Amino acid sequence: MELATLFILIVCLAIALGFEFVNGFHDTANAVATVIYTRSMKPTHAVIWSGFVNFLGVLFVLGAGAGVAFKIVGLLPTDLQVNAHGPLGIWAILSILIVAVLWNLATWYVGLPASSSHTLVGSIAGVGLTWAYLAGKEYNTDKLFDTLKGLALAPLLGFGLAATIFILFKVLSKRPEFFKEPPKGDTPPPWWIRLMLIGTCTGVSWFHGSNDGQKGIGLVMLILIALVPGQYTVNPAFDAAKIEKTLVLIESGRDVLAKPAFAGNKKAEEAAERLEKIDHILEESTSLSALPHAEQETLRVEILKAASAIKKAAKDEDASAADKKVLVDTEKGIKGAVEFVAIWVIVAVALALGIGTMVGWKRIVVTVGEKIGKAHLTYAQGAAAELTAMITIATADYMAAPVSTTHILSSGIAGTMAANRSGLQGKTVRNILIAWVLTLPVTIVLSGLLFWATAGRYIVK
């Protein structure tokens, strides 16, 4: 590896891990807000515990898969992903990372619980849209809107679910101390309340790690594919058994695409042609790592473009549900050859997120605990909001959907305040909403302008 490439690699990895570090104290402060504010745990113990559980949550990706990571990376246009080598890819990654880190730091500095997920999605979309405009290509807005729908719905669900859980607490619990705000001083709540709040804090920290940690994992893998393609172009664990299984899926996919229902469908034709090329490369292989580097790069390009074409072909109105399922299975099967995560990347991201959780939490905790509602947070409201965040993020993990811990928890607390008729502090809620509303357009514009200024000359129509 050339010295200049090594230097760029170190800088990019440092910024990517820096994003996860900032994400730790920016987003995970929400997980510890209730246990610290209610004196269920001392601040030092709470942030160390939450950081450790976040670390474990990211490591969980090893066994559960990294669907969120690849969904985030998939927001970049396929043509940009396959041409990620060289200055174009480097500036695309740097534009995303620089804007994401700076916006997170800016909102943290003023104590606003803005969303790292929205920040990252906006930064990626800005680069993708700018590339599509300069290259004269079409940007796949369907992927972006699908992601944004999840990000938009999560806080609404958080508000409603937290309010519902709080009302259930009121109906089912006859313990008046559960509905009181913490007394002044360091007096902890009763043991059973402490246990509940520590449990919900642990759950939110775990699922925050497994969901938000994947975003950093996706970014780091994109950096490695761009700068160290010889080692990270294809999945080295894709052995003969997996190749054989994939060849069967490819054959099924090609049979479906040859049916009359797809006649005249340009994307179906493209998908069939690319599947044939992939089949030709794989049938001569016993392991992807044994392929010459040139063939590995060709395979990666063909798989990413075939998967994109298959996804679009599967939307054909004339296709049956059974045929669409075969195409979905084929798409997932071939992507397994290029979508993988190195173990050291998961550990590095886990450490960055975990350590970040242990610093810088105080600004967000005060906002969450005291400045959303007109009344201070009660034990029951904290438990309802945290339980809501835990359930929502766990569901998003299962669906491989990126969501915002910040938005879910903040809206959950607002929901409990509304259910309790405590009232909301207009100024804080207004500032949070402004940060939420501004995050996407600001990051889209900033990352797009930075990418245009730095990489525009490398893009050819």
Protein backbone atom coordinates (compact mmCIF):
# COMPACT_ATOMS: atom_id res chain seq x y z
CA MET A 1 0.00 0.00 0.00
CA GLU A 2 1.33 3.44 -0.93
CA LEU A 3 2.09 5.87 1.90
CA ALA A 4 -0.48 8.41 0.63
CA THR A 5 -3.22 5.75 0.50
CA LEU A 6 -2.33 4.58 4.00
CA PHE A 7 -2.55 8.16 5.28
CA ILE A 8 -5.96 8.69 3.67
CA LEU A 9 -7.17 5.35 5.04
CA ILE A 10 -6.13 6.30 8.59
CA VAL A 11 -7.81 9.73 8.29
CA CYS A 12 -11.05 8.24 6.94
CA LEU A 13 -11.16 5.51 9.60
CA ALA A 14 -10.43 8.06 12.33
CA ILE A 15 -13.33 10.26 11.18
CA ALA A 16 -15.70 7.28 10.82
CA LEU A 17 -14.89 6.02 14.31
CA GLY A 18 -15.08 9.64 15.49
CA PHE A 19 -18.66 9.71 14.18
CA GLU A 20 -19.50 6.68 16.32
CA PHE A 21 -17.71 8.25 19.30
CA VAL A 22 -19.79 11.42 18.93
CA ASN A 23 -22.87 9.25 18.36
CA GLY A 24 -22.13 7.62 21.72
CA PHE A 25 -22.33 10.76 23.83
CA HIS A 26 -24.84 12.44 21.53
CA ASP A 27 -27.45 9.69 21.15
CA THR A 28 -26.78 7.32 24.00
CA ALA A 29 -27.21 10.11 26.52
CA ASN A 30 -30.88 9.43 25.89
CA ALA A 31 -30.49 5.90 27.25
CA VAL A 32 -28.98 7.07 30.55
CA ALA A 33 -31.13 10.20 30.93
CA THR A 34 -33.84 8.61 33.03
CA VAL A 35 -31.62 6.55 35.37
CA ILE A 36 -29.40 9.56 36.04
CA TYR A 37 -32.22 12.05 36.39
CA THR A 38 -34.19 9.79 38.75
CA ARG A 39 -31.02 8.97 40.79
CA SER A 40 -31.49 5.28 40.02
CA MET A 41 -27.78 5.15 39.17
CA LYS A 42 -24.93 7.53 39.78
CA PRO A 43 -23.88 9.31 36.55
CA THR A 44 -20.46 7.66 36.40
CA HIS A 45 -21.91 4.18 36.95
CA ALA A 46 -24.74 4.82 34.48
CA VAL A 47 -22.59 5.96 31.57
CA ILE A 48 -20.01 3.20 32.12
CA TRP A 49 -22.75 0.58 32.27
CA SER A 50 -24.53 2.00 29.22
CA GLY A 51 -21.24 2.21 27.32
CA PHE A 52 -20.48 -1.44 28.12
CA VAL A 53 -23.95 -2.58 27.04
CA ASN A 54 -23.70 -0.51 23.85
CA PHE A 55 -20.43 -2.32 23.17
CA LEU A 56 -22.16 -5.68 23.61
CA GLY A 57 -25.05 -4.53 21.40
CA VAL A 58 -22.68 -3.79 18.53
CA LEU A 59 -20.94 -7.16 18.99
CA PHE A 60 -24.38 -8.77 18.69
CA VAL A 61 -24.21 -7.83 15.00
CA LEU A 62 -21.72 -10.71 14.61
CA GLY A 63 -24.48 -13.24 15.12
CA ALA A 64 -27.54 -11.31 13.96
CA GLY A 65 -26.31 -9.90 10.65
CA ALA A 66 -25.77 -6.32 9.54
CA GLY A 67 -28.94 -5.49 7.62
CA VAL A 68 -29.06 -1.88 8.86
CA ALA A 69 -25.40 -1.32 7.87
CA PHE A 70 -25.99 -2.34 4.26
CA LYS A 71 -29.31 -0.48 4.08
CA ILE A 72 -27.48 2.72 5.00
CA VAL A 73 -24.67 2.11 2.47
CA GLY A 74 -27.34 1.20 -0.11
CA LEU A 75 -28.56 4.81 -0.05
CA LEU A 76 -25.55 5.62 -2.22
CA PRO A 77 -26.24 5.09 -5.94
CA THR A 78 -25.07 1.68 -7.16
CA ASP A 79 -22.86 3.24 -9.84
CA LEU A 80 -21.12 5.35 -7.19
CA GLN A 81 -20.58 2.31 -4.97
CA VAL A 82 -18.97 0.29 -7.74
CA ASN A 83 -16.77 3.24 -8.70
CA ALA A 84 -15.74 3.96 -5.12
CA HIS A 85 -12.03 3.50 -5.80
CA GLY A 86 -9.85 6.58 -6.20
CA PRO A 87 -10.54 10.27 -5.50
CA LEU A 88 -14.28 10.07 -6.26
CA GLY A 89 -14.93 7.45 -3.58
CA ILE A 90 -12.61 9.09 -1.06
CA TRP A 91 -14.28 12.49 -1.35
CA ALA A 92 -17.73 10.92 -1.24
CA ILE A 93 -16.86 9.23 2.07
CA LEU A 94 -15.15 12.32 3.52
CA SER A 95 -18.05 14.58 2.55
CA ILE A 96 -20.50 12.25 4.35
CA LEU A 97 -18.36 11.90 7.47
CA ILE A 98 -17.26 15.51 7.89
CA VAL A 99 -20.79 16.91 7.63
CA ALA A 100 -22.26 14.20 9.88
CA VAL A 101 -19.69 14.72 12.64
CA LEU A 102 -19.88 18.54 12.54
CA TRP A 103 -23.70 18.62 12.68
CA ASN A 104 -23.76 16.14 15.57
CA LEU A 105 -21.23 18.22 17.50
CA ALA A 106 -23.11 21.46 16.81
CA THR A 107 -26.45 20.13 18.07
CA TRP A 108 -24.80 18.45 21.08
CA TYR A 109 -23.04 21.70 22.00
CA VAL A 110 -26.34 23.55 22.30
CA GLY A 111 -27.93 20.61 24.14
CA LEU A 112 -30.43 19.61 21.46
CA PRO A 113 -31.27 15.90 21.11
CA ALA A 114 -31.01 15.84 17.32
CA SER A 115 -30.73 12.52 15.46
CA SER A 116 -27.44 10.95 14.34
CA SER A 117 -29.47 8.69 12.04
CA HIS A 118 -31.09 11.63 10.25
CA THR A 119 -27.69 13.32 10.09
CA LEU A 120 -26.07 10.32 8.41
CA VAL A 121 -28.98 9.67 6.04
CA GLY A 122 -29.01 13.34 5.03
CA SER A 123 -25.25 13.38 4.43
CA ILE A 124 -25.39 10.24 2.28
CA ALA A 125 -28.40 11.51 0.34
CA GLY A 126 -26.64 14.82 -0.33
CA VAL A 127 -23.66 13.04 -1.87
CA GLY A 128 -25.90 10.65 -3.84
CA LEU A 129 -28.13 13.38 -5.23
CA THR A 130 -25.16 15.56 -6.19
CA TRP A 131 -23.43 12.66 -7.94
CA ALA A 132 -26.62 11.77 -9.82
CA TYR A 133 -27.06 15.40 -10.95
CA LEU A 134 -23.46 15.84 -12.10
CA ALA A 135 -23.27 12.42 -13.75
CA GLY A 136 -26.63 12.81 -15.48
CA LYS A 137 -27.96 9.68 -13.75
CA GLU A 138 -31.19 8.89 -11.94
CA TYR A 139 -31.07 8.73 -8.13
CA ASN A 140 -33.11 5.94 -6.57
CA THR A 141 -35.41 8.06 -4.42
CA ASP A 142 -37.49 4.97 -3.50
CA LYS A 143 -34.70 3.73 -1.21
CA LEU A 144 -34.38 7.15 0.39
CA PHE A 145 -38.11 7.54 0.94
CA ASP A 146 -38.38 4.02 2.39
CA THR A 147 -35.69 4.91 4.93
CA LEU A 148 -37.24 8.30 5.68
CA LYS A 149 -40.66 6.73 6.22
CA GLY A 150 -39.24 4.60 9.02
CA LEU A 151 -37.41 7.55 10.55
CA ALA A 152 -40.57 9.68 10.38
CA LEU A 153 -42.96 7.06 11.74
CA ALA A 154 -40.78 6.01 14.69
CA PRO A 155 -41.26 9.20 16.77
CA LEU A 156 -45.02 9.19 16.10
CA LEU A 157 -45.18 5.59 17.29
CA GLY A 158 -42.96 6.56 20.22
CA PHE A 159 -45.35 9.32 21.28
CA GLY A 160 -48.42 7.10 21.09
CA LEU A 161 -46.88 3.97 22.58
CA ALA A 162 -45.28 5.81 25.51
CA ALA A 163 -48.56 7.56 26.29
CA THR A 164 -50.38 4.21 26.17
CA ILE A 165 -47.84 2.49 28.43
CA PHE A 166 -47.99 5.38 30.91
CA ILE A 167 -51.80 5.18 31.04
CA LEU A 168 -51.53 1.41 31.60
CA PHE A 169 -49.13 2.09 34.46
CA LYS A 170 -51.73 4.41 35.99
CA VAL A 171 -54.48 1.84 35.63
CA LEU A 172 -52.49 -1.15 36.87
CA SER A 173 -50.20 0.34 39.52
CA LYS A 174 -51.53 1.37 42.91
CA ARG A 175 -48.14 2.65 44.11
CA PRO A 176 -48.33 6.48 44.31
CA GLU A 177 -44.54 6.85 44.65
CA PHE A 178 -44.18 5.53 41.09
CA PHE A 179 -45.85 8.68 39.75
CA LYS A 180 -43.81 11.21 41.68
CA GLU A 181 -40.87 13.18 40.39
CA PRO A 182 -37.49 12.50 42.03
CA PRO A 183 -36.90 14.43 45.27
CA LYS A 184 -34.08 16.95 45.49
CA GLY A 185 -30.75 15.60 46.61
CA ASP A 186 -29.28 12.17 45.95
CA THR A 187 -32.06 10.00 47.39
CA PRO A 188 -32.59 7.00 45.08
CA PRO A 189 -36.08 5.68 44.29
CA PRO A 190 -37.48 2.49 45.88
CA TRP A 191 -35.60 -0.65 44.86
CA TRP A 192 -38.27 -1.94 42.49
CA ILE A 193 -38.37 1.37 40.60
CA ARG A 194 -34.58 1.40 40.38
CA LEU A 195 -34.61 -2.14 39.04
CA MET A 196 -37.20 -1.25 36.39
CA LEU A 197 -35.37 1.88 35.24
CA ILE A 198 -31.97 0.18 35.16
CA GLY A 199 -33.53 -2.64 33.14
CA THR A 200 -35.05 -0.29 30.56
CA CYS A 201 -31.79 1.70 30.36
CA THR A 202 -29.94 -1.56 29.68
CA GLY A 203 -32.40 -2.54 26.96
CA VAL A 204 -32.22 0.83 25.21
CA SER A 205 -28.40 0.80 25.38
CA TRP A 206 -28.24 -2.72 23.91
CA PHE A 207 -30.57 -2.02 21.00
CA HIS A 208 -29.02 1.40 20.38
CA GLY A 209 -25.67 -0.36 19.98
CA SER A 210 -27.07 -3.01 17.66
CA ASN A 211 -28.91 -0.46 15.48
CA ASP A 212 -26.80 2.72 15.52
CA GLY A 213 -23.55 0.79 15.65
CA GLN A 214 -24.37 -0.76 12.30
CA LYS A 215 -24.33 2.66 10.65
CA GLY A 216 -20.68 3.10 11.59
CA ILE A 217 -19.93 -0.47 10.51
CA GLY A 218 -21.39 0.25 7.06
CA LEU A 219 -19.29 3.41 6.70
CA VAL A 220 -16.06 1.68 7.73
CA MET A 221 -16.66 -1.19 5.29
CA LEU A 222 -17.30 1.34 2.51
CA ILE A 223 -13.96 3.00 3.32
CA LEU A 224 -12.15 -0.34 3.22
CA ILE A 225 -13.76 -1.34 -0.10
CA ALA A 226 -12.72 2.02 -1.59
CA LEU A 227 -9.14 2.11 -0.27
CA VAL A 228 -8.18 -1.55 0.30
CA PRO A 229 -10.19 -3.31 -2.43
CA GLY A 230 -7.81 -6.26 -2.65
CA GLN A 231 -8.89 -7.51 0.79
CA TYR A 232 -12.48 -6.31 1.12
CA THR A 233 -14.04 -6.56 -2.36
CA VAL A 234 -15.72 -9.94 -1.79
CA ASN A 235 -16.69 -12.05 1.20
CA PRO A 236 -13.66 -14.25 2.07
CA ALA A 237 -15.90 -16.68 3.97
CA PHE A 238 -17.96 -17.41 0.86
CA ASP A 239 -16.87 -21.04 0.38
CA ALA A 240 -17.79 -23.80 -2.07
CA ALA A 241 -21.02 -24.72 -0.24
CA LYS A 242 -22.28 -21.13 -0.35
CA ILE A 243 -21.26 -20.77 -3.98
CA GLU A 244 -23.23 -23.91 -4.88
CA LYS A 245 -26.31 -22.65 -3.04
CA THR A 246 -26.02 -19.27 -4.79
CA LEU A 247 -25.76 -20.91 -8.21
CA VAL A 248 -29.06 -22.69 -7.54
CA LEU A 249 -30.68 -19.34 -6.63
CA ILE A 250 -29.25 -17.74 -9.76
CA GLU A 251 -30.71 -20.49 -11.94
CA SER A 252 -34.14 -20.03 -10.29
CA GLY A 253 -33.92 -16.27 -10.76
CA ARG A 254 -32.99 -16.57 -14.43
CA ASP A 255 -35.89 -18.99 -15.02
CA VAL A 256 -38.32 -16.47 -13.53
CA LEU A 257 -36.89 -13.54 -15.51
CA ALA A 258 -37.33 -15.57 -18.74
CA LYS A 259 -41.11 -15.86 -18.19
CA PRO A 260 -43.56 -13.96 -20.46
CA ALA A 261 -44.59 -11.76 -17.52
CA PHE A 262 -41.21 -9.99 -17.78
CA ALA A 263 -41.17 -9.68 -21.59
CA GLY A 264 -40.10 -6.17 -22.57
CA ASN A 265 -38.99 -5.31 -19.03
CA LYS A 266 -35.58 -3.67 -19.53
CA LYS A 267 -34.52 -4.18 -15.92
CA ALA A 268 -35.43 -7.87 -16.14
CA GLU A 269 -33.28 -8.19 -19.27
CA GLU A 270 -30.38 -6.44 -17.57
CA ALA A 271 -30.75 -8.61 -14.46
CA ALA A 272 -30.75 -11.81 -16.55
CA GLU A 273 -27.61 -10.75 -18.43
CA ARG A 274 -25.76 -9.89 -15.24
CA LEU A 275 -26.86 -13.09 -13.51
CA GLU A 276 -25.40 -15.02 -16.45
CA LYS A 277 -22.04 -13.26 -15.95
CA ILE A 278 -22.12 -13.94 -12.20
CA ASP A 279 -22.97 -17.58 -12.88
CA HIS A 280 -20.01 -17.87 -15.22
CA ILE A 281 -17.57 -16.51 -12.62
CA LEU A 282 -18.94 -18.56 -9.72
CA GLU A 283 -19.22 -21.92 -11.46
CA GLU A 284 -15.44 -21.94 -11.98
CA SER A 285 -14.73 -21.06 -8.32
CA THR A 286 -14.38 -22.99 -5.10
CA SER A 287 -13.75 -19.89 -2.96
CA LEU A 288 -14.16 -16.19 -3.69
CA SER A 289 -10.91 -15.34 -1.93
CA ALA A 290 -9.07 -17.52 -4.47
CA LEU A 291 -10.32 -15.46 -7.42
CA PRO A 292 -7.86 -13.04 -9.08
CA HIS A 293 -8.41 -9.46 -7.89
CA ALA A 294 -9.67 -8.33 -11.31
CA GLU A 295 -12.35 -11.04 -11.24
CA GLN A 296 -13.29 -10.11 -7.66
CA GLU A 297 -13.89 -6.50 -8.76
CA THR A 298 -15.89 -7.64 -11.80
CA LEU A 299 -17.97 -9.95 -9.60
CA ARG A 300 -18.70 -7.16 -7.11
CA VAL A 301 -19.81 -4.76 -9.86
CA GLU A 302 -22.04 -7.37 -11.51
CA ILE A 303 -23.62 -8.43 -8.21
CA LEU A 304 -24.43 -4.88 -7.08
CA LYS A 305 -25.87 -3.94 -10.47
CA ALA A 306 -27.76 -7.23 -10.81
CA ALA A 307 -29.27 -6.82 -7.35
CA SER A 308 -30.42 -3.30 -8.22
CA ALA A 309 -31.95 -4.48 -11.52
CA ILE A 310 -33.65 -7.49 -9.85
CA LYS A 311 -35.22 -5.25 -7.22
CA LYS A 312 -36.72 -3.02 -9.89
CA ALA A 313 -37.80 -5.95 -12.08
CA ALA A 314 -39.60 -7.54 -9.12
CA LYS A 315 -41.95 -4.53 -9.01
CA ASP A 316 -43.47 -5.53 -12.37
CA GLU A 317 -47.24 -5.60 -11.96
CA ASP A 318 -47.57 -8.73 -14.11
CA ALA A 319 -45.27 -10.78 -11.88
CA SER A 320 -46.86 -13.28 -9.50
CA ALA A 321 -46.20 -13.25 -5.76
CA ALA A 322 -44.29 -16.54 -6.07
CA ASP A 323 -42.04 -15.13 -8.82
CA LYS A 324 -41.37 -11.99 -6.79
CA LYS A 325 -40.32 -14.12 -3.83
CA VAL A 326 -37.87 -16.06 -6.00
CA LEU A 327 -36.35 -12.79 -7.21
CA VAL A 328 -36.06 -11.44 -3.65
CA ASP A 329 -34.32 -14.67 -2.59
CA THR A 330 -31.99 -14.43 -5.59
CA GLU A 331 -31.11 -10.82 -4.78
CA LYS A 332 -30.33 -11.65 -1.15
CA GLY A 333 -28.36 -14.74 -2.15
CA ILE A 334 -26.00 -13.03 -4.56
CA LYS A 335 -25.45 -10.04 -2.26
CA GLY A 336 -24.11 -12.40 0.39
CA ALA A 337 -20.99 -12.72 -1.77
CA VAL A 338 -20.12 -9.03 -1.31
CA GLU A 339 -21.97 -7.91 1.81
CA PHE A 340 -19.91 -8.92 4.82
CA VAL A 341 -18.35 -7.32 7.88
CA ALA A 342 -14.83 -7.89 9.17
CA ILE A 343 -14.78 -8.82 12.87
CA TRP A 344 -12.20 -6.14 13.74
CA VAL A 345 -14.52 -3.48 12.28
CA ILE A 346 -17.34 -4.54 14.62
CA VAL A 347 -14.99 -4.45 17.63
CA ALA A 348 -13.58 -1.03 16.66
CA VAL A 349 -17.03 0.50 16.18
CA ALA A 350 -18.23 -1.09 19.44
CA LEU A 351 -15.32 0.46 21.33
CA ALA A 352 -15.84 3.90 19.76
CA LEU A 353 -19.56 3.89 20.54
CA GLY A 354 -19.04 2.51 24.05
CA ILE A 355 -16.32 5.00 25.00
CA GLY A 356 -18.30 7.87 23.47
CA THR A 357 -21.21 6.97 25.70
CA MET A 358 -19.04 7.61 28.76
CA VAL A 359 -18.42 11.30 27.99
CA GLY A 360 -20.44 14.37 27.11
CA TRP A 361 -23.80 13.05 28.33
CA LYS A 362 -24.81 15.88 30.68
CA ARG A 363 -26.18 18.45 28.20
CA ILE A 364 -28.69 16.01 26.69
CA VAL A 365 -29.69 14.50 30.05
CA VAL A 366 -30.77 17.88 31.41
CA THR A 367 -32.83 18.60 28.28
CA VAL A 368 -34.56 15.20 28.39
CA GLY A 369 -35.19 15.24 32.14
CA GLU A 370 -36.28 18.82 32.76
CA LYS A 371 -36.90 20.81 29.61
CA ILE A 372 -39.37 18.82 27.50
CA GLY A 373 -42.32 18.89 29.92
CA LYS A 374 -43.46 21.72 32.15
CA ALA A 375 -43.22 19.31 35.08
CA HIS A 376 -40.07 17.33 35.82
CA LEU A 377 -39.88 13.72 34.70
CA THR A 378 -41.53 11.18 37.04
CA TYR A 379 -40.39 7.60 37.55
CA ALA A 380 -43.35 6.20 35.61
CA GLN A 381 -42.82 8.58 32.71
CA GLY A 382 -39.14 7.67 32.49
CA ALA A 383 -39.93 3.95 32.53
CA ALA A 384 -42.67 4.32 29.88
CA ALA A 385 -40.43 6.35 27.56
CA GLU A 386 -37.46 3.97 27.90
CA LEU A 387 -39.64 0.88 27.46
CA THR A 388 -41.06 2.46 24.31
CA ALA A 389 -37.59 3.17 22.93
CA MET A 390 -36.46 -0.38 23.68
CA ILE A 391 -39.47 -1.98 21.93
CA THR A 392 -39.31 0.34 18.90
CA ILE A 393 -35.58 -0.05 18.28
CA ALA A 394 -35.77 -3.84 18.75
CA THR A 395 -38.54 -3.97 16.13
CA ALA A 396 -36.48 -1.79 13.77
CA ASP A 397 -33.51 -4.13 14.24
CA TYR A 398 -35.66 -7.08 13.25
CA MET A 399 -36.80 -5.21 10.12
CA ALA A 400 -33.23 -4.00 9.32
CA ALA A 401 -34.47 -0.41 9.47
CA PRO A 402 -32.39 2.50 10.78
CA VAL A 403 -34.23 4.57 13.41
CA SER A 404 -33.39 7.43 15.74
CA THR A 405 -33.07 6.66 19.46
CA THR A 406 -33.14 10.41 20.11
CA HIS A 407 -36.42 11.03 18.31
CA ILE A 408 -38.12 7.97 19.80
CA LEU A 409 -37.17 8.76 23.39
CA SER A 410 -37.83 12.51 23.17
CA SER A 411 -41.23 11.94 21.57
CA GLY A 412 -41.90 9.19 24.12
CA ILE A 413 -41.30 11.59 27.01
CA ALA A 414 -43.52 14.16 25.31
CA GLY A 415 -46.19 11.45 24.96
CA THR A 416 -46.09 10.69 28.70
CA MET A 417 -46.30 14.39 29.51
CA ALA A 418 -49.36 14.69 27.26
CA ALA A 419 -50.95 11.58 28.81
CA ASN A 420 -50.32 12.99 32.29
CA ARG A 421 -51.57 16.42 31.23
CA SER A 422 -48.33 17.88 32.56
CA GLY A 423 -47.94 20.20 29.59
CA LEU A 424 -44.91 20.69 27.33
CA GLN A 425 -42.31 23.46 27.40
CA GLY A 426 -42.94 25.29 24.16
CA LYS A 427 -39.45 26.73 23.78
CA THR A 428 -37.59 23.45 24.18
CA VAL A 429 -40.05 21.45 22.07
CA ARG A 430 -39.85 24.13 19.38
CA ASN A 431 -36.03 24.03 19.41
CA ILE A 432 -36.02 20.22 19.22
CA LEU A 433 -38.50 20.26 16.33
CA ILE A 434 -36.40 22.88 14.53
CA ALA A 435 -33.31 20.67 14.95
CA TRP A 436 -35.30 17.66 13.67
CA VAL A 437 -36.70 19.53 10.68
CA LEU A 438 -33.41 21.22 9.78
CA THR A 439 -31.18 18.15 10.10
CA LEU A 440 -32.10 16.50 6.79
CA PRO A 441 -32.09 19.55 4.48
CA VAL A 442 -28.99 21.09 6.10
CA THR A 443 -26.94 17.89 5.91
CA ILE A 444 -28.14 17.16 2.36
CA VAL A 445 -27.09 20.63 1.20
CA LEU A 446 -23.78 20.73 3.10
CA SER A 447 -22.59 17.26 2.07
CA GLY A 448 -23.74 17.87 -1.50
CA LEU A 449 -21.85 21.18 -1.72
CA LEU A 450 -18.72 19.70 -0.15
CA PHE A 451 -18.81 16.74 -2.54
CA TRP A 452 -19.39 19.05 -5.51
CA ALA A 453 -16.48 21.29 -4.50
CA THR A 454 -14.03 18.43 -3.91
CA ALA A 455 -15.06 15.70 -6.37
CA GLY A 456 -17.06 17.51 -9.05
CA ARG A 457 -14.15 17.50 -11.49
CA TYR A 458 -13.87 13.69 -11.31
CA ILE A 459 -17.50 13.07 -12.36
CA VAL A 460 -18.10 12.54 -16.07
CA LYS A 461 -21.54 12.41 -17.69
